[in-house]
PDB file of N, CA and C in Angstrom:
ATOM      1  N   UNK A   1       1.757 -20.017 -24.374  1.00  0.00           N
ATOM      2  CA  UNK A   1       2.316 -18.897 -24.363  1.00  0.00           C
ATOM      3  C   UNK A   1       2.744 -18.893 -22.884  1.00  0.00           C
ATOM      4  N   UNK A   2       3.969 -18.707 -22.237  1.00  0.00           N
ATOM      5  CA  UNK A   2       4.271 -18.288 -20.812  1.00  0.00           C
ATOM      6  C   UNK A   2       3.187 -17.020 -20.440  1.00  0.00           C
ATOM      7  N   UNK A   3       3.159 -17.527 -19.045  1.00  0.00           N
ATOM      8  CA  UNK A   3       2.673 -16.496 -18.504  1.00  0.00           C
ATOM      9  C   UNK A   3       3.656 -15.548 -18.057  1.00  0.00           C
ATOM     10  N   UNK A   4       3.671 -14.072 -18.218  1.00  0.00           N
ATOM     11  CA  UNK A   4       4.674 -12.993 -18.222  1.00  0.00           C
ATOM     12  C   UNK A   4       4.469 -13.446 -16.676  1.00  0.00           C
ATOM     13  N   UNK A   5       5.837 -12.879 -15.872  1.00  0.00           N
ATOM     14  CA  UNK A   5       6.139 -13.135 -14.544  1.00  0.00           C
ATOM     15  C   UNK A   5       5.184 -11.410 -13.801  1.00  0.00           C
ATOM     16  N   UNK A   6       4.610 -10.783 -14.231  1.00  0.00           N
ATOM     17  CA  UNK A   6       3.686  -9.754 -13.934  1.00  0.00           C
ATOM     18  C   UNK A   6       2.387 -10.366 -13.285  1.00  0.00           C
ATOM     19  N   UNK A   7       2.501 -11.590 -14.069  1.00  0.00           N
ATOM     20  CA  UNK A   7       0.714 -11.992 -13.727  1.00  0.00           C
ATOM     21  C   UNK A   7       0.598 -13.378 -13.002  1.00  0.00           C
ATOM     22  N   UNK A   8       2.396 -13.427 -12.587  1.00  0.00           N
ATOM     23  CA  UNK A   8       2.450 -15.019 -11.736  1.00  0.00           C
ATOM     24  C   UNK A   8       2.062 -14.609 -10.462  1.00  0.00           C
ATOM     25  N   UNK A   9       1.643 -15.572  -9.543  1.00  0.00           N
ATOM     26  CA  UNK A   9       1.108 -15.806  -8.336  1.00  0.00           C
ATOM     27  C   UNK A   9       2.096 -15.107  -7.655  1.00  0.00           C
ATOM     28  N   UNK A  10       3.798 -15.198  -7.437  1.00  0.00           N
ATOM     29  CA  UNK A  10       4.944 -15.740  -6.894  1.00  0.00           C
ATOM     30  C   UNK A  10       4.712 -13.844  -7.346  1.00  0.00           C
ATOM     31  N   UNK A  11       5.023 -13.192  -7.777  1.00  0.00           N
ATOM     32  CA  UNK A  11       5.201 -11.936  -7.899  1.00  0.00           C
ATOM     33  C   UNK A  11       4.131 -11.418  -7.894  1.00  0.00           C
ATOM     34  N   UNK A  12       2.814 -11.387  -7.444  1.00  0.00           N
ATOM     35  CA  UNK A  12       1.880 -11.483  -6.948  1.00  0.00           C
ATOM     36  C   UNK A  12       2.162 -11.088  -5.302  1.00  0.00           C
ATOM     37  N   UNK A  13       2.087 -11.949  -4.420  1.00  0.00           N
ATOM     38  CA  UNK A  13       2.833 -12.197  -3.539  1.00  0.00           C
ATOM     39  C   UNK A  13       3.456 -11.639  -2.714  1.00  0.00           C
ATOM     40  N   UNK A  14       5.077 -11.396  -3.991  1.00  0.00           N
ATOM     41  CA  UNK A  14       5.765 -10.377  -3.421  1.00  0.00           C
ATOM     42  C   UNK A  14       5.537  -9.372  -3.131  1.00  0.00           C
ATOM     43  N   UNK A  15       5.049  -8.303  -4.526  1.00  0.00           N
ATOM     44  CA  UNK A  15       4.119  -7.025  -3.973  1.00  0.00           C
ATOM     45  C   UNK A  15       3.040  -6.366  -3.301  1.00  0.00           C
ATOM     46  N   UNK A  16       2.366  -7.619  -2.403  1.00  0.00           N
ATOM     47  CA  UNK A  16       1.479  -7.340  -1.661  1.00  0.00           C
ATOM     48  C   UNK A  16       2.303  -8.105  -0.414  1.00  0.00           C
ATOM     49  N   UNK A  17       3.205  -8.317  -0.162  1.00  0.00           N
ATOM     50  CA  UNK A  17       3.876  -8.503   0.541  1.00  0.00           C
ATOM     51  C   UNK A  17       4.573  -6.700   1.230  1.00  0.00           C
ATOM     52  N   UNK A  18       5.194  -6.755   0.163  1.00  0.00           N
ATOM     53  CA  UNK A  18       5.542  -4.839   0.015  1.00  0.00           C
ATOM     54  C   UNK A  18       4.623  -4.199   0.996  1.00  0.00           C
ATOM     55  N   UNK A  19       3.254  -3.839   0.149  1.00  0.00           N
ATOM     56  CA  UNK A  19       1.995  -3.032   0.021  1.00  0.00           C
ATOM     57  C   UNK A  19       1.762  -3.891   1.900  1.00  0.00           C
ATOM     58  N   UNK A  20       1.494  -4.429   1.766  1.00  0.00           N
ATOM     59  CA  UNK A  20       1.065  -4.516   3.431  1.00  0.00           C
ATOM     60  C   UNK A  20       2.538  -4.127   4.553  1.00  0.00           C
ATOM     61  N   UNK A  21       3.659  -4.377   4.277  1.00  0.00           N
ATOM     62  CA  UNK A  21       4.955  -3.775   4.720  1.00  0.00           C
ATOM     63  C   UNK A  21       4.856  -2.182   4.855  1.00  0.00           C
ATOM     64  N   UNK A  22       4.137  -1.775   3.715  1.00  0.00           N
ATOM     65  CA  UNK A  22       3.603   0.300   3.673  1.00  0.00           C
ATOM     66  C   UNK A  22       2.839   0.324   4.715  1.00  0.00           C
ATOM     67  N   UNK A  23       1.887  -0.325   4.361  1.00  0.00           N
ATOM     68  CA  UNK A  23       0.914  -0.301   5.242  1.00  0.00           C
ATOM     69  C   UNK A  23       1.129  -0.777   6.920  1.00  0.00           C
ATOM     70  N   UNK A  24       2.000  -1.379   6.911  1.00  0.00           N
ATOM     71  CA  UNK A  24       1.932  -1.470   8.652  1.00  0.00           C
ATOM     72  C   UNK A  24       2.634  -0.737   8.947  1.00  0.00           C
ATOM     73  N   UNK A  25       3.189  -0.033   8.470  1.00  0.00           N
ATOM     74  CA  UNK A  25       4.255   0.689   8.917  1.00  0.00           C
ATOM     75  C   UNK A  25       3.716   2.182   9.258  1.00  0.00           C
ATOM     76  N   UNK A  26       2.294   2.589   8.412  1.00  0.00           N
ATOM     77  CA  UNK A  26       2.029   3.800   8.434  1.00  0.00           C
ATOM     78  C   UNK A  26       2.198   4.448   7.584  1.00  0.00           C
ATOM     79  N   UNK A  27       3.061   4.403   6.457  1.00  0.00           N
ATOM     80  CA  UNK A  27       3.415   5.118   5.407  1.00  0.00           C
ATOM     81  C   UNK A  27       3.009   4.940   4.152  1.00  0.00           C
ATOM     82  N   UNK A  28       1.998   5.834   3.359  1.00  0.00           N
ATOM     83  CA  UNK A  28       1.460   6.414   2.233  1.00  0.00           C
ATOM     84  C   UNK A  28       2.329   6.084   1.238  1.00  0.00           C
ATOM     85  N   UNK A  29       1.285   5.900  -0.326  1.00  0.00           N
ATOM     86  CA  UNK A  29       2.200   5.400  -1.614  1.00  0.00           C
ATOM     87  C   UNK A  29       2.453   7.154  -1.432  1.00  0.00           C
ATOM     88  N   UNK A  30       2.209   8.161  -1.129  1.00  0.00           N
ATOM     89  CA  UNK A  30       2.373   9.983  -1.611  1.00  0.00           C
ATOM     90  C   UNK A  30       4.081  10.112  -1.073  1.00  0.00           C
ATOM     91  N   UNK A  31       4.190   9.279   0.253  1.00  0.00           N
ATOM     92  CA  UNK A  31       5.052  10.046   1.212  1.00  0.00           C
ATOM     93  C   UNK A  31       6.327   8.414   0.773  1.00  0.00           C
ATOM     94  N   UNK A  32       5.575   7.152   0.566  1.00  0.00           N
ATOM     95  CA  UNK A  32       6.786   6.090  -0.183  1.00  0.00           C
ATOM     96  C   UNK A  32       7.347   6.806  -1.267  1.00  0.00           C
ATOM     97  N   UNK A  33       6.411   7.592  -2.185  1.00  0.00           N
ATOM     98  CA  UNK A  33       6.976   7.822  -3.828  1.00  0.00           C
ATOM     99  C   UNK A  33       7.479   8.999  -3.919  1.00  0.00           C
ATOM    100  N   UNK A  34       7.406   9.838  -3.030  1.00  0.00           N
ATOM    101  CA  UNK A  34       8.614  10.935  -2.489  1.00  0.00           C
ATOM    102  C   UNK A  34       9.755  10.708  -2.692  1.00  0.00           C
ATOM    103  N   UNK A  35       9.161   9.595  -1.150  1.00  0.00           N
ATOM    104  CA  UNK A  35      10.802   9.181  -0.565  1.00  0.00           C
ATOM    105  C   UNK A  35      11.916   8.108  -2.147  1.00  0.00           C
ATOM    106  N   UNK A  36      11.352   8.036  -2.728  1.00  0.00           N
ATOM    107  CA  UNK A  36      12.033   7.416  -3.714  1.00  0.00           C
ATOM    108  C   UNK A  36      12.076   7.968  -5.056  1.00  0.00           C
ATOM    109  N   UNK A  37      11.483   9.233  -5.067  1.00  0.00           N
ATOM    110  CA  UNK A  37      11.477  10.293  -6.318  1.00  0.00           C
ATOM    111  C   UNK A  37      10.721   9.870  -7.304  1.00  0.00           C
ATOM    112  N   UNK A  38       9.736   9.128  -7.009  1.00  0.00           N
ATOM    113  CA  UNK A  38       8.808   8.827  -8.534  1.00  0.00           C
ATOM    114  C   UNK A  38       7.933   9.234  -8.037  1.00  0.00           C
ATOM    115  N   UNK A  39       6.610   9.501  -9.146  1.00  0.00           N
ATOM    116  CA  UNK A  39       5.087   9.834  -8.806  1.00  0.00           C
ATOM    117  C   UNK A  39       4.563   9.043  -8.012  1.00  0.00           C
ATOM    118  N   UNK A  40       3.823   9.283  -7.494  1.00  0.00           N
ATOM    119  CA  UNK A  40       2.367   8.620  -6.446  1.00  0.00           C
ATOM    120  C   UNK A  40       1.916   7.407  -7.652  1.00  0.00           C
ATOM    121  N   UNK A  41       1.753   7.852  -8.577  1.00  0.00           N
ATOM    122  CA  UNK A  41       0.909   6.983  -9.957  1.00  0.00           C
ATOM    123  C   UNK A  41       1.319   5.895 -10.007  1.00  0.00           C
ATOM    124  N   UNK A  42       2.700   5.664  -9.936  1.00  0.00           N
ATOM    125  CA  UNK A  42       3.514   4.645  -9.896  1.00  0.00           C
ATOM    126  C   UNK A  42       3.878   4.006  -8.746  1.00  0.00           C
ATOM    127  N   UNK A  43       3.625   4.185  -7.875  1.00  0.00           N
ATOM    128  CA  UNK A  43       3.391   3.515  -6.991  1.00  0.00           C
ATOM    129  C   UNK A  43       2.524   2.639  -6.715  1.00  0.00           C
ATOM    130  N   UNK A  44       1.507   3.681  -7.508  1.00  0.00           N
ATOM    131  CA  UNK A  44       0.348   2.583  -7.513  1.00  0.00           C
ATOM    132  C   UNK A  44      -0.251   1.627  -8.189  1.00  0.00           C
ATOM    133  N   UNK A  45       0.136   2.196  -9.769  1.00  0.00           N
ATOM    134  CA  UNK A  45       0.435   0.911 -10.579  1.00  0.00           C
ATOM    135  C   UNK A  45       1.274  -0.413 -10.304  1.00  0.00           C
ATOM    136  N   UNK A  46       2.073   0.181  -9.309  1.00  0.00           N
ATOM    137  CA  UNK A  46       3.149  -1.379  -9.051  1.00  0.00           C
ATOM    138  C   UNK A  46       2.405  -2.153  -8.167  1.00  0.00           C
ATOM    139  N   UNK A  47       1.622  -1.464  -7.134  1.00  0.00           N
ATOM    140  CA  UNK A  47       0.941  -2.290  -6.393  1.00  0.00           C
ATOM    141  C   UNK A  47      -0.751  -3.153  -6.602  1.00  0.00           C
ATOM    142  N   UNK A  48      -0.938  -2.313  -7.878  1.00  0.00           N
ATOM    143  CA  UNK A  48      -2.295  -2.443  -8.503  1.00  0.00           C
ATOM    144  C   UNK A  48      -2.070  -3.714  -9.619  1.00  0.00           C
ATOM    145  N   UNK A  49      -0.450  -3.692  -9.763  1.00  0.00           N
ATOM    146  CA  UNK A  49       0.001  -5.385 -10.940  1.00  0.00           C
ATOM    147  C   UNK A  49      -0.439  -4.544 -12.233  1.00  0.00           C
ATOM    148  N   UNK A  50      -0.496  -3.010 -12.272  1.00  0.00           N
ATOM    149  CA  UNK A  50      -0.317  -2.594 -13.679  1.00  0.00           C
ATOM    150  C   UNK A  50       1.216  -2.460 -14.528  1.00  0.00           C
ATOM    151  N   UNK A  51       1.694  -1.751 -13.109  1.00  0.00           N
ATOM    152  CA  UNK A  51       3.163  -1.740 -13.488  1.00  0.00           C
ATOM    153  C   UNK A  51       4.115  -3.103 -13.001  1.00  0.00           C
ATOM    154  N   UNK A  52       5.105  -3.619 -13.952  1.00  0.00           N
ATOM    155  CA  UNK A  52       6.190  -4.463 -13.385  1.00  0.00           C
ATOM    156  C   UNK A  52       7.300  -3.124 -12.817  1.00  0.00           C
ATOM    157  N   UNK A  53       7.556  -4.520 -11.595  1.00  0.00           N
ATOM    158  CA  UNK A  53       9.014  -3.649 -10.213  1.00  0.00           C
ATOM    159  C   UNK A  53       9.870  -4.761 -11.104  1.00  0.00           C
ATOM    160  N   UNK A  54      11.091  -3.716 -11.510  1.00  0.00           N
ATOM    161  CA  UNK A  54      12.557  -4.793 -11.845  1.00  0.00           C
ATOM    162  C   UNK A  54      12.686  -5.020 -10.489  1.00  0.00           C
ATOM    163  N   UNK A  55      14.114  -5.565 -10.211  1.00  0.00           N
ATOM    164  CA  UNK A  55      15.217  -6.460  -9.254  1.00  0.00           C
ATOM    165  C   UNK A  55      15.371  -4.946  -8.850  1.00  0.00           C
ATOM    166  N   UNK A  56      15.993  -3.544  -9.688  1.00  0.00           N
ATOM    167  CA  UNK A  56      16.818  -2.537  -8.877  1.00  0.00           C
ATOM    168  C   UNK A  56      15.802  -2.038  -8.080  1.00  0.00           C
ATOM    169  N   UNK A  57      14.387  -1.884  -8.457  1.00  0.00           N
ATOM    170  CA  UNK A  57      13.438  -1.128  -7.983  1.00  0.00           C
ATOM    171  C   UNK A  57      13.155  -2.148  -6.988  1.00  0.00           C
ATOM    172  N   UNK A  58      12.930  -3.377  -7.064  1.00  0.00           N
ATOM    173  CA  UNK A  58      12.898  -4.319  -5.452  1.00  0.00           C
ATOM    174  C   UNK A  58      13.217  -3.482  -4.735  1.00  0.00           C
ATOM    175  N   UNK A  59      14.347  -3.899  -4.695  1.00  0.00           N
ATOM    176  CA  UNK A  59      15.847  -2.997  -4.065  1.00  0.00           C
ATOM    177  C   UNK A  59      15.399  -2.136  -3.230  1.00  0.00           C
ATOM    178  N   UNK A  60      15.116  -0.927  -3.984  1.00  0.00           N
ATOM    179  CA  UNK A  60      15.280   0.233  -3.605  1.00  0.00           C
ATOM    180  C   UNK A  60      13.983   0.168  -2.783  1.00  0.00           C
ATOM    181  N   UNK A  61      12.646  -0.471  -3.212  1.00  0.00           N
ATOM    182  CA  UNK A  61      11.414   0.005  -2.210  1.00  0.00           C
ATOM    183  C   UNK A  61      12.114  -1.001  -1.327  1.00  0.00           C
ATOM    184  N   UNK A  62      12.156  -2.250  -1.337  1.00  0.00           N
ATOM    185  CA  UNK A  62      12.540  -2.711   0.026  1.00  0.00           C
ATOM    186  C   UNK A  62      13.157  -2.013   1.426  1.00  0.00           C
ATOM    187  N   UNK A  63      14.056  -1.740   0.912  1.00  0.00           N
ATOM    188  CA  UNK A  63      15.046  -0.798   1.339  1.00  0.00           C
ATOM    189  C   UNK A  63      14.378   0.608   1.901  1.00  0.00           C
ATOM    190  N   UNK A  64      13.734   1.470   1.275  1.00  0.00           N
ATOM    191  CA  UNK A  64      12.793   1.845   2.379  1.00  0.00           C
ATOM    192  C   UNK A  64      11.939   1.440   2.976  1.00  0.00           C
ATOM    193  N   UNK A  65      11.418   0.986   2.856  1.00  0.00           N
ATOM    194  CA  UNK A  65      10.655  -0.673   3.752  1.00  0.00           C
ATOM    195  C   UNK A  65      11.465  -0.545   4.454  1.00  0.00           C
ATOM    196  N   UNK A  66      12.462  -0.352   5.028  1.00  0.00           N
ATOM    197  CA  UNK A  66      13.402  -1.262   6.356  1.00  0.00           C
ATOM    198  C   UNK A  66      13.873  -2.581   6.139  1.00  0.00           C
ATOM    199  N   UNK A  67      14.141  -3.150   4.609  1.00  0.00           N
ATOM    200  CA  UNK A  67      14.509  -4.411   4.948  1.00  0.00           C
ATOM    201  C   UNK A  67      15.561  -4.196   3.939  1.00  0.00           C
ATOM    202  N   UNK A  68      16.384  -5.595   4.511  1.00  0.00           N
ATOM    203  CA  UNK A  68      18.042  -4.899   4.324  1.00  0.00           C
ATOM    204  C   UNK A  68      17.915  -5.830   2.938  1.00  0.00           C
ATOM    205  N   UNK A  69      18.981  -6.172   2.512  1.00  0.00           N
ATOM    206  CA  UNK A  69      19.590  -6.782   1.099  1.00  0.00           C
ATOM    207  C   UNK A  69      18.705  -8.534   1.760  1.00  0.00           C
ATOM    208  N   UNK A  70      19.124  -8.789   2.735  1.00  0.00           N
ATOM    209  CA  UNK A  70      19.245  -9.961   3.354  1.00  0.00           C
ATOM    210  C   UNK A  70      17.596 -10.384   3.052  1.00  0.00           C
ATOM    211  N   UNK A  71      17.092  -9.673   3.634  1.00  0.00           N
ATOM    212  CA  UNK A  71      15.436  -9.904   4.013  1.00  0.00           C
ATOM    213  C   UNK A  71      14.629  -9.888   2.894  1.00  0.00           C
ATOM    214  N   UNK A  72      14.899  -8.915   2.075  1.00  0.00           N
ATOM    215  CA  UNK A  72      14.534  -8.442   0.602  1.00  0.00           C
ATOM    216  C   UNK A  72      14.606  -9.942  -0.303  1.00  0.00           C
ATOM    217  N   UNK A  73      16.127 -10.751   0.212  1.00  0.00           N
ATOM    218  CA  UNK A  73      16.729 -12.031  -0.727  1.00  0.00           C
ATOM    219  C   UNK A  73      15.380 -12.976   0.307  1.00  0.00           C
ATOM    220  N   UNK A  74      15.605 -13.273   1.343  1.00  0.00           N
ATOM    221  CA  UNK A  74      15.056 -14.036   1.422  1.00  0.00           C
ATOM    222  C   UNK A  74      13.352 -13.977   1.352  1.00  0.00           C
ATOM    223  N   UNK A  75      12.609 -12.674   1.989  1.00  0.00           N
ATOM    224  CA  UNK A  75      11.394 -12.671   1.079  1.00  0.00           C
ATOM    225  C   UNK A  75      11.221 -13.499  -0.591  1.00  0.00           C
ATOM    226  N   UNK A  76      12.249 -13.133  -1.786  1.00  0.00           N
ATOM    227  CA  UNK A  76      11.687 -13.690  -2.686  1.00  0.00           C
ATOM    228  C   UNK A  76      12.221 -15.126  -2.559  1.00  0.00           C
ATOM    229  N   UNK A  77      13.137 -15.865  -2.164  1.00  0.00           N
ATOM    230  CA  UNK A  77      13.345 -17.170  -1.905  1.00  0.00           C
ATOM    231  C   UNK A  77      12.054 -17.669  -1.405  1.00  0.00           C
ATOM    232  N   UNK A  78      11.250 -17.470  -0.005  1.00  0.00           N
ATOM    233  CA  UNK A  78      10.628 -17.657  -0.105  1.00  0.00           C
ATOM    234  C   UNK A  78       9.439 -18.127  -0.690  1.00  0.00           C
ATOM    235  N   UNK A  79       8.806 -17.218  -1.110  1.00  0.00           N
ATOM    236  CA  UNK A  79       7.753 -16.863  -2.133  1.00  0.00           C
ATOM    237  C   UNK A  79       8.471 -17.813  -3.658  1.00  0.00           C
ATOM    238  N   UNK A  80       9.366 -17.996  -3.927  1.00  0.00           N
ATOM    239  CA  UNK A  80       9.671 -18.396  -4.913  1.00  0.00           C
ATOM    240  C   UNK A  80       9.557 -20.367  -4.567  1.00  0.00           C
ATOM    241  N   UNK A  81       9.727 -20.568  -3.587  1.00  0.00           N
ATOM    242  CA  UNK A  81       9.626 -21.959  -2.798  1.00  0.00           C
ATOM    243  C   UNK A  81       8.243 -22.309  -2.920  1.00  0.00           C
ATOM    244  N   UNK A  82       7.477 -21.168  -2.057  1.00  0.00           N
ATOM    245  CA  UNK A  82       6.080 -22.037  -2.543  1.00  0.00           C
ATOM    246  C   UNK A  82       5.392 -21.800  -3.811  1.00  0.00           C
ATOM    247  N   UNK A  83       6.099 -21.042  -4.615  1.00  0.00           N
ATOM    248  CA  UNK A  83       5.606 -21.711  -6.195  1.00  0.00           C
ATOM    249  C   UNK A  83       5.756 -22.367  -6.981  1.00  0.00           C
ATOM    250  N   UNK A  84       7.181 -23.034  -5.690  1.00  0.00           N
ATOM    251  CA  UNK A  84       7.659 -24.307  -6.556  1.00  0.00           C
ATOM    252  C   UNK A  84       7.979 -24.431  -8.381  1.00  0.00           C
ATOM    253  N   UNK A  85       8.682 -23.192  -7.768  1.00  0.00           N
ATOM    254  CA  UNK A  85       9.756 -23.487  -9.461  1.00  0.00           C
ATOM    255  C   UNK A  85      10.478 -23.792  -8.952  1.00  0.00           C
ATOM    256  N   UNK A  86      10.886 -24.791 -10.498  1.00  0.00           N
ATOM    257  CA  UNK A  86      11.520 -25.796 -10.323  1.00  0.00           C
ATOM    258  C   UNK A  86      12.701 -25.437 -10.662  1.00  0.00           C
ATOM    259  N   UNK A  87      13.833 -25.925  -9.554  1.00  0.00           N
ATOM    260  CA  UNK A  87      15.416 -26.058 -10.189  1.00  0.00           C
ATOM    261  C   UNK A  87      16.278 -26.424 -11.876  1.00  0.00           C
ATOM    262  N   UNK A  88      16.830 -25.748 -12.675  1.00  0.00           N
ATOM    263  CA  UNK A  88      17.373 -26.284 -13.438  1.00  0.00           C
ATOM    264  C   UNK A  88      18.363 -26.919 -13.009  1.00  0.00           C
ATOM    265  N   UNK A  89      18.277 -29.067 -13.487  1.00  0.00           N
ATOM    266  CA  UNK A  89      20.091 -29.805 -13.056  1.00  0.00           C
ATOM    267  C   UNK A  89      20.428 -29.061 -14.065  1.00  0.00           C
ATOM    268  N   UNK A  90      21.231 -29.182 -14.024  1.00  0.00           N
ATOM    269  CA  UNK A  90      22.874 -28.966 -14.777  1.00  0.00           C
ATOM    270  C   UNK A  90      23.282 -30.791 -15.206  1.00  0.00           C
ATOM    271  N   UNK A  91      23.557 -31.083 -16.455  1.00  0.00           N
ATOM    272  CA  UNK A  91      23.636 -31.788 -17.283  1.00  0.00           C
ATOM    273  C   UNK A  91      25.099 -32.438 -16.245  1.00  0.00           C
ATOM    274  N   UNK A  92      24.764 -33.696 -16.386  1.00  0.00           N
ATOM    275  CA  UNK A  92      25.894 -34.368 -15.938  1.00  0.00           C
ATOM    276  C   UNK A  92      27.560 -34.852 -16.557  1.00  0.00           C
ATOM    277  N   UNK A  93      28.167 -33.921 -15.622  1.00  0.00           N
ATOM    278  CA  UNK A  93      29.707 -33.983 -16.829  1.00  0.00           C
ATOM    279  C   UNK A  93      30.358 -35.631 -17.024  1.00  0.00           C
ATOM    280  N   UNK A  94      30.470 -36.372 -18.153  1.00  0.00           N
ATOM    281  CA  UNK A  94      31.396 -37.524 -18.242  1.00  0.00           C
ATOM    282  C   UNK A  94      32.670 -36.856 -18.196  1.00  0.00           C
ATOM    283  N   UNK A  95      33.663 -37.963 -17.817  1.00  0.00           N
ATOM    284  CA  UNK A  95      34.710 -38.083 -17.496  1.00  0.00           C
ATOM    285  C   UNK A  95      35.222 -38.709 -18.829  1.00  0.00           C
ATOM    286  N   UNK A  96      36.110 -38.170 -20.127  1.00  0.00           N
ATOM    287  CA  UNK A  96      36.148 -39.226 -20.949  1.00  0.00           C
ATOM    288  C   UNK A  96      37.317 -39.537 -20.830  1.00  0.00           C
ATOM    289  N   UNK A  97      37.477 -41.000 -20.739  1.00  0.00           N
ATOM    290  CA  UNK A  97      39.266 -41.944 -21.150  1.00  0.00           C
ATOM    291  C   UNK A  97      39.942 -41.680 -22.180  1.00  0.00           C
ATOM    292  N   UNK A  98      41.069 -41.482 -21.873  1.00  0.00           N
ATOM    293  CA  UNK A  98      41.495 -41.578 -23.344  1.00  0.00           C
ATOM    294  C   UNK A  98      42.714 -42.563 -23.479  1.00  0.00           C
TER     295      UNK A  98
END
């Protein structure tokens, strides 16, 4: 059975990076949760790996921590490259001659 993304190292790295950024900025979980309009327990559960952060929530958290869309995308790209996620190769197209 494939490992769920919440348990994969690449996902944990993204969450850890967001947490480290929050801490470096001196922002508490409570302050971040208030800014996002979420319960503090939600931020705690995300950082602890007990709750999955979906794509839209990721963008919202990244933005709240001062990351631009480009910086957030770069974070994801770097993490995926480090995780050596294989890219799907499109099947080659054969031209049919008639």
